[in-house]
């Protein structure tokens, strides 16, 4: 048995894997389970958790769960509602706004000097 196949370091090599039964999926089956195209997995294989068995790529259920989490998008509003944080409220100015509040404070022009 080669050094790369020793079982002592398997937990360290795949700390995310909690599978008790070996069930691996190829590109096509993984794409069906994830609801994506095979090409999506092939193009991003370097960034995705997977197993390499010989020249074949395999995904277990734990790998697919991680891929799904990596691709999950949660809008900020939903994230704040899930975390229970109150949205920031910007105070509205009371009463009418003055011209100074409306106009930008730019550089002032010098008055033209009268011609001699």
PDB file of N, CA and C in Angstrom:
ATOM      1  N   UNK A   1       0.852  -1.183   0.000  1.00  0.00           N
ATOM      2  CA  UNK A   1       0.000   0.000   0.000  1.00  0.00           C
ATOM      3  C   UNK A   1       0.887   1.231   0.000  1.00  0.00           C
ATOM      4  N   UNK A   2       0.560   2.195  -0.815  1.00  0.00           N
ATOM      5  CA  UNK A   2       1.385   3.390  -0.896  1.00  0.00           C
ATOM      6  C   UNK A   2       1.103   4.303   0.284  1.00  0.00           C
ATOM      7  N   UNK A   3       2.010   5.267   0.505  1.00  0.00           N
ATOM      8  CA  UNK A   3       1.881   6.196   1.633  1.00  0.00           C
ATOM      9  C   UNK A   3       0.652   7.080   1.492  1.00  0.00           C
ATOM     10  N   UNK A   4       0.229   7.363   0.262  1.00  0.00           N
ATOM     11  CA  UNK A   4      -0.918   8.233   0.038  1.00  0.00           C
ATOM     12  C   UNK A   4      -2.254   7.583   0.386  1.00  0.00           C
ATOM     13  N   UNK A   5      -2.284   6.243   0.530  1.00  0.00           N
ATOM     14  CA  UNK A   5      -3.537   5.552   0.800  1.00  0.00           C
ATOM     15  C   UNK A   5      -3.661   5.080   2.245  1.00  0.00           C
ATOM     16  N   UNK A   6      -2.803   5.501   3.109  1.00  0.00           N
ATOM     17  CA  UNK A   6      -2.907   5.109   4.518  1.00  0.00           C
ATOM     18  C   UNK A   6      -4.146   5.745   5.128  1.00  0.00           C
ATOM     19  N   UNK A   7      -4.823   5.003   5.971  1.00  0.00           N
ATOM     20  CA  UNK A   7      -6.078   5.492   6.541  1.00  0.00           C
ATOM     21  C   UNK A   7      -5.888   6.365   7.763  1.00  0.00           C
ATOM     22  N   UNK A   8      -4.710   6.471   8.308  1.00  0.00           N
ATOM     23  CA  UNK A   8      -4.477   7.268   9.512  1.00  0.00           C
ATOM     24  C   UNK A   8      -4.759   8.746   9.324  1.00  0.00           C
ATOM     25  N   UNK A   9      -4.521   9.289   8.139  1.00  0.00           N
ATOM     26  CA  UNK A   9      -4.692  10.718   7.893  1.00  0.00           C
ATOM     27  C   UNK A   9      -5.981  11.054   7.141  1.00  0.00           C
ATOM     28  N   UNK A  10      -6.905  10.125   7.034  1.00  0.00           N
ATOM     29  CA  UNK A  10      -8.122  10.391   6.274  1.00  0.00           C
ATOM     30  C   UNK A  10      -8.966  11.484   6.907  1.00  0.00           C
ATOM     31  N   UNK A  11      -9.109  11.494   8.205  1.00  0.00           N
ATOM     32  CA  UNK A  11      -9.923  12.519   8.867  1.00  0.00           C
ATOM     33  C   UNK A  11      -9.285  13.887   8.664  1.00  0.00           C
ATOM     34  N   UNK A  12      -7.964  13.977   8.714  1.00  0.00           N
ATOM     35  CA  UNK A  12      -7.288  15.261   8.509  1.00  0.00           C
ATOM     36  C   UNK A  12      -7.425  15.726   7.058  1.00  0.00           C
ATOM     37  N   UNK A  13      -7.458  14.790   6.119  1.00  0.00           N
ATOM     38  CA  UNK A  13      -7.557  15.154   4.708  1.00  0.00           C
ATOM     39  C   UNK A  13      -8.964  15.620   4.341  1.00  0.00           C
ATOM     40  N   UNK A  14      -9.974  15.102   5.024  1.00  0.00           N
ATOM     41  CA  UNK A  14     -11.368  15.451   4.714  1.00  0.00           C
ATOM     42  C   UNK A  14     -12.125  15.746   6.011  1.00  0.00           C
ATOM     43  N   UNK A  15     -11.761  16.837   6.692  1.00  0.00           N
ATOM     44  CA  UNK A  15     -12.393  17.121   7.991  1.00  0.00           C
ATOM     45  C   UNK A  15     -13.880  17.443   7.883  1.00  0.00           C
ATOM     46  N   UNK A  16     -14.340  17.865   6.708  1.00  0.00           N
ATOM     47  CA  UNK A  16     -15.753  18.205   6.526  1.00  0.00           C
ATOM     48  C   UNK A  16     -16.632  16.986   6.305  1.00  0.00           C
ATOM     49  N   UNK A  17     -16.025  15.842   6.011  1.00  0.00           N
ATOM     50  CA  UNK A  17     -16.787  14.657   5.632  1.00  0.00           C
ATOM     51  C   UNK A  17     -17.279  13.904   6.866  1.00  0.00           C
ATOM     52  N   UNK A  18     -18.585  13.739   6.939  1.00  0.00           N
ATOM     53  CA  UNK A  18     -19.198  12.992   8.038  1.00  0.00           C
ATOM     54  C   UNK A  18     -19.945  11.776   7.511  1.00  0.00           C
ATOM     55  N   UNK A  19     -19.678  11.396   6.284  1.00  0.00           N
ATOM     56  CA  UNK A  19     -20.362  10.256   5.675  1.00  0.00           C
ATOM     57  C   UNK A  19     -20.007   8.969   6.417  1.00  0.00           C
ATOM     58  N   UNK A  20     -21.012   8.160   6.698  1.00  0.00           N
ATOM     59  CA  UNK A  20     -20.765   6.852   7.313  1.00  0.00           C
ATOM     60  C   UNK A  20     -20.897   5.752   6.271  1.00  0.00           C
ATOM     61  N   UNK A  21     -21.501   6.075   5.152  1.00  0.00           N
ATOM     62  CA  UNK A  21     -21.646   5.143   4.051  1.00  0.00           C
ATOM     63  C   UNK A  21     -21.043   5.789   2.808  1.00  0.00           C
ATOM     64  N   UNK A  22     -20.219   5.040   2.100  1.00  0.00           N
ATOM     65  CA  UNK A  22     -19.579   5.590   0.907  1.00  0.00           C
ATOM     66  C   UNK A  22     -20.599   5.643  -0.222  1.00  0.00           C
ATOM     67  N   UNK A  23     -20.880   6.866  -0.673  1.00  0.00           N
ATOM     68  CA  UNK A  23     -21.776   7.071  -1.811  1.00  0.00           C
ATOM     69  C   UNK A  23     -21.205   8.239  -2.601  1.00  0.00           C
ATOM     70  N   UNK A  24     -20.484   7.920  -3.645  1.00  0.00           N
ATOM     71  CA  UNK A  24     -19.860   8.950  -4.466  1.00  0.00           C
ATOM     72  C   UNK A  24     -20.654   9.167  -5.745  1.00  0.00           C
ATOM     73  N   UNK A  25     -20.595  10.410  -6.232  1.00  0.00           N
ATOM     74  CA  UNK A  25     -21.311  10.795  -7.438  1.00  0.00           C
ATOM     75  C   UNK A  25     -20.317  11.323  -8.455  1.00  0.00           C
ATOM     76  N   UNK A  26     -20.547  10.994  -9.734  1.00  0.00           N
ATOM     77  CA  UNK A  26     -19.717  11.556 -10.793  1.00  0.00           C
ATOM     78  C   UNK A  26     -20.254  12.944 -11.146  1.00  0.00           C
ATOM     79  N   UNK A  27     -19.650  13.570 -12.149  1.00  0.00           N
ATOM     80  CA  UNK A  27     -20.075  14.916 -12.546  1.00  0.00           C
ATOM     81  C   UNK A  27     -21.575  14.988 -12.845  1.00  0.00           C
ATOM     82  N   UNK A  28     -22.063  14.033 -13.637  1.00  0.00           N
ATOM     83  CA  UNK A  28     -23.467  14.086 -14.053  1.00  0.00           C
ATOM     84  C   UNK A  28     -24.419  13.948 -12.866  1.00  0.00           C
ATOM     85  N   UNK A  29     -24.169  12.974 -11.999  1.00  0.00           N
ATOM     86  CA  UNK A  29     -25.050  12.757 -10.850  1.00  0.00           C
ATOM     87  C   UNK A  29     -24.970  13.924  -9.868  1.00  0.00           C
ATOM     88  N   UNK A  30     -23.769  14.469  -9.674  1.00  0.00           N
ATOM     89  CA  UNK A  30     -23.610  15.616  -8.771  1.00  0.00           C
ATOM     90  C   UNK A  30     -24.340  16.836  -9.325  1.00  0.00           C
ATOM     91  N   UNK A  31     -24.261  17.040 -10.635  1.00  0.00           N
ATOM     92  CA  UNK A  31     -24.949  18.176 -11.253  1.00  0.00           C
ATOM     93  C   UNK A  31     -26.459  18.041 -11.095  1.00  0.00           C
ATOM     94  N   UNK A  32     -26.975  16.836 -11.225  1.00  0.00           N
ATOM     95  CA  UNK A  32     -28.415  16.612 -11.047  1.00  0.00           C
ATOM     96  C   UNK A  32     -28.809  16.906  -9.605  1.00  0.00           C
ATOM     97  N   UNK A  33     -28.028  16.409  -8.643  1.00  0.00           N
ATOM     98  CA  UNK A  33     -28.360  16.643  -7.229  1.00  0.00           C
ATOM     99  C   UNK A  33     -28.288  18.118  -6.862  1.00  0.00           C
ATOM    100  N   UNK A  34     -27.335  18.852  -7.452  1.00  0.00           N
ATOM    101  CA  UNK A  34     -27.188  20.277  -7.150  1.00  0.00           C
ATOM    102  C   UNK A  34     -28.130  21.150  -7.981  1.00  0.00           C
ATOM    103  N   UNK A  35     -28.647  20.601  -9.062  1.00  0.00           N
ATOM    104  CA  UNK A  35     -29.515  21.391  -9.935  1.00  0.00           C
ATOM    105  C   UNK A  35     -28.735  22.358 -10.810  1.00  0.00           C
ATOM    106  N   UNK A  36     -27.550  21.948 -11.218  1.00  0.00           N
ATOM    107  CA  UNK A  36     -26.723  22.800 -12.082  1.00  0.00           C
ATOM    108  C   UNK A  36     -26.286  21.991 -13.295  1.00  0.00           C
ATOM    109  N   UNK A  37     -25.509  22.601 -14.140  1.00  0.00           N
ATOM    110  CA  UNK A  37     -24.995  21.912 -15.318  1.00  0.00           C
ATOM    111  C   UNK A  37     -23.641  21.273 -14.992  1.00  0.00           C
ATOM    112  N   UNK A  38     -23.352  20.184 -15.672  1.00  0.00           N
ATOM    113  CA  UNK A  38     -22.077  19.494 -15.492  1.00  0.00           C
ATOM    114  C   UNK A  38     -20.912  20.456 -15.751  1.00  0.00           C
ATOM    115  N   UNK A  39     -21.063  21.297 -16.749  1.00  0.00           N
ATOM    116  CA  UNK A  39     -20.000  22.233 -17.134  1.00  0.00           C
ATOM    117  C   UNK A  39     -19.647  23.185 -15.988  1.00  0.00           C
ATOM    118  N   UNK A  40     -20.649  23.577 -15.181  1.00  0.00           N
ATOM    119  CA  UNK A  40     -20.411  24.442 -14.021  1.00  0.00           C
ATOM    120  C   UNK A  40     -19.409  23.781 -13.072  1.00  0.00           C
ATOM    121  N   UNK A  41     -19.599  22.501 -12.799  1.00  0.00           N
ATOM    122  CA  UNK A  41     -18.691  21.776 -11.901  1.00  0.00           C
ATOM    123  C   UNK A  41     -17.313  21.596 -12.543  1.00  0.00           C
ATOM    124  N   UNK A  42     -17.292  21.251 -13.821  1.00  0.00           N
ATOM    125  CA  UNK A  42     -16.020  21.035 -14.511  1.00  0.00           C
ATOM    126  C   UNK A  42     -15.184  22.316 -14.551  1.00  0.00           C
ATOM    127  N   UNK A  43     -15.827  23.445 -14.818  1.00  0.00           N
ATOM    128  CA  UNK A  43     -15.098  24.709 -14.934  1.00  0.00           C
ATOM    129  C   UNK A  43     -14.542  25.188 -13.599  1.00  0.00           C
ATOM    130  N   UNK A  44     -15.180  24.810 -12.498  1.00  0.00           N
ATOM    131  CA  UNK A  44     -14.780  25.318 -11.177  1.00  0.00           C
ATOM    132  C   UNK A  44     -14.181  24.246 -10.272  1.00  0.00           C
ATOM    133  N   UNK A  45     -13.769  23.120 -10.823  1.00  0.00           N
ATOM    134  CA  UNK A  45     -13.343  21.980 -10.009  1.00  0.00           C
ATOM    135  C   UNK A  45     -12.175  22.323  -9.083  1.00  0.00           C
ATOM    136  N   UNK A  46     -11.322  23.251  -9.463  1.00  0.00           N
ATOM    137  CA  UNK A  46     -10.191  23.620  -8.597  1.00  0.00           C
ATOM    138  C   UNK A  46     -10.638  24.337  -7.327  1.00  0.00           C
ATOM    139  N   UNK A  47     -11.796  24.989  -7.355  1.00  0.00           N
ATOM    140  CA  UNK A  47     -12.289  25.704  -6.172  1.00  0.00           C
ATOM    141  C   UNK A  47     -13.294  24.884  -5.370  1.00  0.00           C
ATOM    142  N   UNK A  48     -13.727  23.738  -5.884  1.00  0.00           N
ATOM    143  CA  UNK A  48     -14.776  22.958  -5.231  1.00  0.00           C
ATOM    144  C   UNK A  48     -14.206  21.753  -4.491  1.00  0.00           C
ATOM    145  N   UNK A  49     -14.794  21.399  -3.345  1.00  0.00           N
ATOM    146  CA  UNK A  49     -14.350  20.191  -2.646  1.00  0.00           C
ATOM    147  C   UNK A  49     -14.759  18.951  -3.451  1.00  0.00           C
ATOM    148  N   UNK A  50     -13.836  18.024  -3.596  1.00  0.00           N
ATOM    149  CA  UNK A  50     -14.105  16.809  -4.345  1.00  0.00           C
ATOM    150  C   UNK A  50     -13.045  15.775  -4.013  1.00  0.00           C
ATOM    151  N   UNK A  51     -13.217  14.582  -4.549  1.00  0.00           N
ATOM    152  CA  UNK A  51     -12.231  13.516  -4.408  1.00  0.00           C
ATOM    153  C   UNK A  51     -11.683  13.196  -5.790  1.00  0.00           C
ATOM    154  N   UNK A  52     -10.443  12.816  -5.809  1.00  0.00           N
ATOM    155  CA  UNK A  52      -9.817  12.433  -7.075  1.00  0.00           C
ATOM    156  C   UNK A  52      -9.408  10.971  -6.917  1.00  0.00           C
ATOM    157  N   UNK A  53     -10.070  10.093  -7.634  1.00  0.00           N
ATOM    158  CA  UNK A  53      -9.776   8.668  -7.571  1.00  0.00           C
ATOM    159  C   UNK A  53      -9.241   8.279  -8.940  1.00  0.00           C
ATOM    160  N   UNK A  54      -7.924   8.133  -9.015  1.00  0.00           N
ATOM    161  CA  UNK A  54      -7.290   7.940 -10.309  1.00  0.00           C
ATOM    162  C   UNK A  54      -7.449   9.217 -11.103  1.00  0.00           C
ATOM    163  N   UNK A  55      -8.014   9.123 -12.289  1.00  0.00           N
ATOM    164  CA  UNK A  55      -8.292  10.317 -13.086  1.00  0.00           C
ATOM    165  C   UNK A  55      -9.747  10.754 -12.963  1.00  0.00           C
ATOM    166  N   UNK A  56     -10.522  10.003 -12.203  1.00  0.00           N
ATOM    167  CA  UNK A  56     -11.946  10.308 -12.060  1.00  0.00           C
ATOM    168  C   UNK A  56     -12.189  11.245 -10.888  1.00  0.00           C
ATOM    169  N   UNK A  57     -13.135  12.138 -11.069  1.00  0.00           N
ATOM    170  CA  UNK A  57     -13.551  13.057 -10.012  1.00  0.00           C
ATOM    171  C   UNK A  57     -14.816  12.490  -9.388  1.00  0.00           C
ATOM    172  N   UNK A  58     -14.873  12.537  -8.054  1.00  0.00           N
ATOM    173  CA  UNK A  58     -16.050  12.043  -7.341  1.00  0.00           C
ATOM    174  C   UNK A  58     -16.440  13.043  -6.263  1.00  0.00           C
ATOM    175  N   UNK A  59     -17.730  13.114  -5.995  1.00  0.00           N
ATOM    176  CA  UNK A  59     -18.268  13.986  -4.954  1.00  0.00           C
ATOM    177  C   UNK A  59     -19.081  13.124  -3.999  1.00  0.00           C
ATOM    178  N   UNK A  60     -18.895  13.318  -2.697  1.00  0.00           N
ATOM    179  CA  UNK A  60     -19.766  12.657  -1.726  1.00  0.00           C
ATOM    180  C   UNK A  60     -20.831  13.659  -1.289  1.00  0.00           C
ATOM    181  N   UNK A  61     -21.780  13.217  -0.477  1.00  0.00           N
ATOM    182  CA  UNK A  61     -22.853  14.116  -0.032  1.00  0.00           C
ATOM    183  C   UNK A  61     -22.305  15.309   0.745  1.00  0.00           C
ATOM    184  N   UNK A  62     -21.244  15.109   1.516  1.00  0.00           N
ATOM    185  CA  UNK A  62     -20.648  16.223   2.270  1.00  0.00           C
ATOM    186  C   UNK A  62     -20.029  17.256   1.331  1.00  0.00           C
ATOM    187  N   UNK A  63     -19.406  16.786   0.250  1.00  0.00           N
ATOM    188  CA  UNK A  63     -18.857  17.710  -0.747  1.00  0.00           C
ATOM    189  C   UNK A  63     -19.979  18.537  -1.375  1.00  0.00           C
ATOM    190  N   UNK A  64     -21.074  17.880  -1.721  1.00  0.00           N
ATOM    191  CA  UNK A  64     -22.198  18.580  -2.345  1.00  0.00           C
ATOM    192  C   UNK A  64     -22.821  19.586  -1.383  1.00  0.00           C
ATOM    193  N   UNK A  65     -22.878  19.244  -0.104  1.00  0.00           N
ATOM    194  CA  UNK A  65     -23.414  20.180   0.896  1.00  0.00           C
ATOM    195  C   UNK A  65     -22.537  21.429   0.983  1.00  0.00           C
ATOM    196  N   UNK A  66     -21.215  21.242   0.951  1.00  0.00           N
ATOM    197  CA  UNK A  66     -20.295  22.389   0.978  1.00  0.00           C
ATOM    198  C   UNK A  66     -20.416  23.239  -0.286  1.00  0.00           C
ATOM    199  N   UNK A  67     -20.535  22.600  -1.432  1.00  0.00           N
ATOM    200  CA  UNK A  67     -20.683  23.343  -2.689  1.00  0.00           C
ATOM    201  C   UNK A  67     -21.958  24.167  -2.646  1.00  0.00           C
ATOM    202  N   UNK A  68     -23.026  23.574  -2.144  1.00  0.00           N
ATOM    203  CA  UNK A  68     -24.290  24.305  -2.035  1.00  0.00           C
ATOM    204  C   UNK A  68     -24.140  25.501  -1.106  1.00  0.00           C
ATOM    205  N   UNK A  69     -23.437  25.333   0.009  1.00  0.00           N
ATOM    206  CA  UNK A  69     -23.222  26.447   0.942  1.00  0.00           C
ATOM    207  C   UNK A  69     -22.357  27.532   0.309  1.00  0.00           C
ATOM    208  N   UNK A  70     -21.350  27.130  -0.481  1.00  0.00           N
ATOM    209  CA  UNK A  70     -20.475  28.100  -1.136  1.00  0.00           C
ATOM    210  C   UNK A  70     -21.244  28.960  -2.135  1.00  0.00           C
ATOM    211  N   UNK A  71     -22.275  28.396  -2.741  1.00  0.00           N
ATOM    212  CA  UNK A  71     -23.020  29.101  -3.783  1.00  0.00           C
ATOM    213  C   UNK A  71     -24.288  29.767  -3.258  1.00  0.00           C
ATOM    214  N   UNK A  72     -24.505  29.716  -1.965  1.00  0.00           N
ATOM    215  CA  UNK A  72     -25.707  30.320  -1.390  1.00  0.00           C
ATOM    216  C   UNK A  72     -25.519  31.820  -1.257  1.00  0.00           C
ATOM    217  N   UNK A  73     -26.500  32.580  -1.732  1.00  0.00           N
ATOM    218  CA  UNK A  73     -26.478  34.039  -1.661  1.00  0.00           C
ATOM    219  C   UNK A  73     -27.626  34.472  -0.757  1.00  0.00           C
ATOM    220  N   UNK A  74     -27.299  35.227   0.293  1.00  0.00           N
ATOM    221  CA  UNK A  74     -28.317  35.738   1.205  1.00  0.00           C
ATOM    222  C   UNK A  74     -28.264  37.256   1.150  1.00  0.00           C
ATOM    223  N   UNK A  75     -29.331  37.913   0.672  1.00  0.00           N
ATOM    224  CA  UNK A  75     -29.346  39.379   0.624  1.00  0.00           C
ATOM    225  C   UNK A  75     -29.176  39.969   2.023  1.00  0.00           C
ATOM    226  N   UNK A  76     -28.595  41.169   2.098  1.00  0.00           N
ATOM    227  CA  UNK A  76     -28.317  41.808   3.385  1.00  0.00           C
ATOM    228  C   UNK A  76     -29.565  41.956   4.240  1.00  0.00           C
ATOM    229  N   UNK A  77     -30.686  42.307   3.636  1.00  0.00           N
ATOM    230  CA  UNK A  77     -31.917  42.496   4.405  1.00  0.00           C
ATOM    231  C   UNK A  77     -32.342  41.187   5.074  1.00  0.00           C
ATOM    232  N   UNK A  78     -32.273  40.098   4.339  1.00  0.00           N
ATOM    233  CA  UNK A  78     -32.643  38.797   4.900  1.00  0.00           C
ATOM    234  C   UNK A  78     -31.646  38.390   5.971  1.00  0.00           C
ATOM    235  N   UNK A  79     -30.355  38.629   5.721  1.00  0.00           N
ATOM    236  CA  UNK A  79     -29.324  38.281   6.700  1.00  0.00           C
ATOM    237  C   UNK A  79     -29.559  39.022   8.012  1.00  0.00           C
ATOM    238  N   UNK A  80     -29.909  40.308   7.933  1.00  0.00           N
ATOM    239  CA  UNK A  80     -30.142  41.071   9.162  1.00  0.00           C
ATOM    240  C   UNK A  80     -31.399  40.578   9.873  1.00  0.00           C
ATOM    241  N   UNK A  81     -32.424  40.180   9.118  1.00  0.00           N
ATOM    242  CA  UNK A  81     -33.625  39.632   9.744  1.00  0.00           C
ATOM    243  C   UNK A  81     -33.332  38.300  10.418  1.00  0.00           C
ATOM    244  N   UNK A  82     -32.487  37.485   9.792  1.00  0.00           N
ATOM    245  CA  UNK A  82     -32.134  36.199  10.387  1.00  0.00           C
ATOM    246  C   UNK A  82     -31.294  36.366  11.646  1.00  0.00           C
ATOM    247  N   UNK A  83     -30.440  37.387  11.653  1.00  0.00           N
ATOM    248  CA  UNK A  83     -29.580  37.605  12.814  1.00  0.00           C
ATOM    249  C   UNK A  83     -30.301  38.355  13.922  1.00  0.00           C
ATOM    250  N   UNK A  84     -31.477  38.897  13.630  1.00  0.00           N
ATOM    251  CA  UNK A  84     -32.244  39.609  14.646  1.00  0.00           C
ATOM    252  C   UNK A  84     -31.806  41.040  14.840  1.00  0.00           C
ATOM    253  N   UNK A  85     -30.906  41.530  14.002  1.00  0.00           N
ATOM    254  CA  UNK A  85     -30.425  42.906  14.131  1.00  0.00           C
ATOM    255  C   UNK A  85     -31.484  43.861  13.594  1.00  0.00           C
ATOM    256  N   UNK A  86     -31.623  44.973  14.254  1.00  0.00           N
ATOM    257  CA  UNK A  86     -32.558  45.999  13.809  1.00  0.00           C
ATOM    258  C   UNK A  86     -31.933  46.785  12.663  1.00  0.00           C
ATOM    259  N   UNK A  87     -32.674  47.077  11.605  1.00  0.00           N
ATOM    260  CA  UNK A  87     -32.110  47.874  10.511  1.00  0.00           C
ATOM    261  C   UNK A  87     -31.816  49.292  10.986  1.00  0.00           C
ATOM    262  N   UNK A  88     -30.747  49.853  10.445  1.00  0.00           N
ATOM    263  CA  UNK A  88     -30.375  51.215  10.813  1.00  0.00           C
ATOM    264  C   UNK A  88     -31.366  52.198  10.205  1.00  0.00           C
ATOM    265  N   UNK A  89     -31.833  53.111  11.032  1.00  0.00           N
ATOM    266  CA  UNK A  89     -32.784  54.118  10.574  1.00  0.00           C
ATOM    267  C   UNK A  89     -32.062  55.449  10.524  1.00  0.00           C
ATOM    268  N   UNK A  90     -32.106  56.094   9.357  1.00  0.00           N
ATOM    269  CA  UNK A  90     -31.470  57.406   9.241  1.00  0.00           C
ATOM    270  C   UNK A  90     -32.471  58.456   9.697  1.00  0.00           C
ATOM    271  N   UNK A  91     -32.061  59.349  10.572  1.00  0.00           N
ATOM    272  CA  UNK A  91     -33.000  60.351  11.079  1.00  0.00           C
ATOM    273  C   UNK A  91     -33.394  61.330   9.974  1.00  0.00           C
ATOM    274  N   UNK A  92     -34.656  61.666   9.927  1.00  0.00           N
ATOM    275  CA  UNK A  92     -35.165  62.629   8.956  1.00  0.00           C
ATOM    276  C   UNK A  92     -35.095  64.020   9.573  1.00  0.00           C
ATOM    277  N   UNK A  93     -34.682  65.030   8.820  1.00  0.00           N
ATOM    278  CA  UNK A  93     -34.612  66.380   9.377  1.00  0.00           C
ATOM    279  C   UNK A  93     -36.018  66.890   9.706  1.00  0.00           C
ATOM    280  N   UNK A  94     -36.112  67.569  10.834  1.00  0.00           N
ATOM    281  CA  UNK A  94     -37.408  68.108  11.253  1.00  0.00           C
ATOM    282  C   UNK A  94     -37.638  69.458  10.581  1.00  0.00           C
ATOM    283  N   UNK A  95     -38.855  69.712  10.169  1.00  0.00           N
ATOM    284  CA  UNK A  95     -39.190  71.017   9.588  1.00  0.00           C
ATOM    285  C   UNK A  95     -38.694  71.169   8.168  1.00  0.00           C
ATOM    286  N   UNK A  96     -38.734  72.411   7.695  1.00  0.00           N
ATOM    287  CA  UNK A  96     -38.298  72.716   6.335  1.00  0.00           C
ATOM    288  C   UNK A  96     -36.788  72.768   6.266  1.00  0.00           C
ATOM    289  N   UNK A  97     -36.269  72.425   5.123  1.00  0.00           N
ATOM    290  CA  UNK A  97     -34.823  72.476   4.918  1.00  0.00           C
ATOM    291  C   UNK A  97     -34.451  73.854   4.410  1.00  0.00           C
ATOM    292  N   UNK A  98     -33.321  74.331   4.864  1.00  0.00           N
ATOM    293  CA  UNK A  98     -32.873  75.645   4.408  1.00  0.00           C
ATOM    294  C   UNK A  98     -32.107  75.494   3.096  1.00  0.00           C
ATOM    295  N   UNK A  99     -31.858  76.616   2.447  1.00  0.00           N
ATOM    296  CA  UNK A  99     -31.114  76.609   1.201  1.00  0.00           C
ATOM    297  C   UNK A  99     -29.703  76.076   1.422  1.00  0.00           C
ATOM    298  N   UNK A 100     -29.129  76.345   2.584  1.00  0.00           N
ATOM    299  CA  UNK A 100     -27.785  75.872   2.903  1.00  0.00           C
ATOM    300  C   UNK A 100     -27.744  74.343   2.935  1.00  0.00           C
ATOM    301  N   UNK A 101     -28.818  73.708   3.408  1.00  0.00           N
ATOM    302  CA  UNK A 101     -28.870  72.249   3.449  1.00  0.00           C
ATOM    303  C   UNK A 101     -28.967  71.655   2.050  1.00  0.00           C
ATOM    304  N   UNK A 102     -29.593  72.369   1.149  1.00  0.00           N
ATOM    305  CA  UNK A 102     -29.834  71.861  -0.188  1.00  0.00           C
ATOM    306  C   UNK A 102     -28.651  72.096  -1.112  1.00  0.00           C
ATOM    307  N   UNK A 103     -28.034  73.278  -1.032  1.00  0.00           N
ATOM    308  CA  UNK A 103     -26.942  73.631  -1.942  1.00  0.00           C
ATOM    309  C   UNK A 103     -25.638  73.002  -1.482  1.00  0.00           C
ATOM    310  N   UNK A 104     -24.835  72.540  -2.426  1.00  0.00           N
ATOM    311  CA  UNK A 104     -23.523  72.020  -2.049  1.00  0.00           C
ATOM    312  C   UNK A 104     -22.600  73.161  -1.638  1.00  0.00           C
ATOM    313  N   UNK A 105     -21.738  72.882  -0.688  1.00  0.00           N
ATOM    314  CA  UNK A 105     -20.787  73.898  -0.241  1.00  0.00           C
ATOM    315  C   UNK A 105     -19.568  73.810  -1.141  1.00  0.00           C
ATOM    316  N   UNK A 106     -19.540  74.600  -2.177  1.00  0.00           N
ATOM    317  CA  UNK A 106     -18.419  74.593  -3.108  1.00  0.00           C
ATOM    318  C   UNK A 106     -17.508  75.772  -2.836  1.00  0.00           C
ATOM    319  N   UNK A 107     -16.477  75.892  -3.626  1.00  0.00           N
ATOM    320  CA  UNK A 107     -15.552  77.020  -3.476  1.00  0.00           C
ATOM    321  C   UNK A 107     -16.276  78.304  -3.862  1.00  0.00           C
ATOM    322  N   UNK A 108     -16.030  79.340  -3.121  1.00  0.00           N
ATOM    323  CA  UNK A 108     -16.675  80.630  -3.408  1.00  0.00           C
ATOM    324  C   UNK A 108     -15.864  81.370  -4.458  1.00  0.00           C
ATOM    325  N   UNK A 109     -16.574  82.037  -5.340  1.00  0.00           N
ATOM    326  CA  UNK A 109     -15.899  82.822  -6.374  1.00  0.00           C
ATOM    327  C   UNK A 109     -15.560  84.196  -5.807  1.00  0.00           C
ATOM    328  N   UNK A 110     -14.439  84.690  -6.236  1.00  0.00           N
ATOM    329  CA  UNK A 110     -14.074  86.063  -5.853  1.00  0.00           C
ATOM    330  C   UNK A 110     -14.854  87.036  -6.709  1.00  0.00           C
ATOM    331  N   UNK A 111     -15.235  88.125  -6.099  1.00  0.00           N
ATOM    332  CA  UNK A 111     -15.955  89.145  -6.863  1.00  0.00           C
ATOM    333  C   UNK A 111     -14.995  89.797  -7.838  1.00  0.00           C
ATOM    334  N   UNK A 112     -15.495  90.075  -8.998  1.00  0.00           N
ATOM    335  CA  UNK A 112     -14.663  90.711 -10.019  1.00  0.00           C
ATOM    336  C   UNK A 112     -14.335  92.135  -9.578  1.00  0.00           C
ATOM    337  N   UNK A 113     -13.075  92.475  -9.732  1.00  0.00           N
ATOM    338  CA  UNK A 113     -12.672  93.843  -9.373  1.00  0.00           C
ATOM    339  C   UNK A 113     -13.139  94.798 -10.465  1.00  0.00           C
ATOM    340  N   UNK A 114     -13.593  96.007 -10.076  1.00  0.00           N
ATOM    341  CA  UNK A 114     -14.043  96.967 -11.092  1.00  0.00           C
ATOM    342  C   UNK A 114     -12.880  97.366 -11.999  1.00  0.00           C
ATOM    343  N   UNK A 115     -13.178  97.562 -13.232  1.00  0.00           N
ATOM    344  CA  UNK A 115     -12.157  97.946 -14.206  1.00  0.00           C
ATOM    345  C   UNK A 115     -11.717  99.382 -13.938  1.00  0.00           C
ATOM    346  N   UNK A 116     -10.405  99.733 -14.041  1.00  0.00           N
ATOM    347  CA  UNK A 116      -9.931 101.098 -13.782  1.00  0.00           C
ATOM    348  C   UNK A 116     -10.295 102.078 -14.837  1.00  0.00           C
TER     349      UNK A 116
END
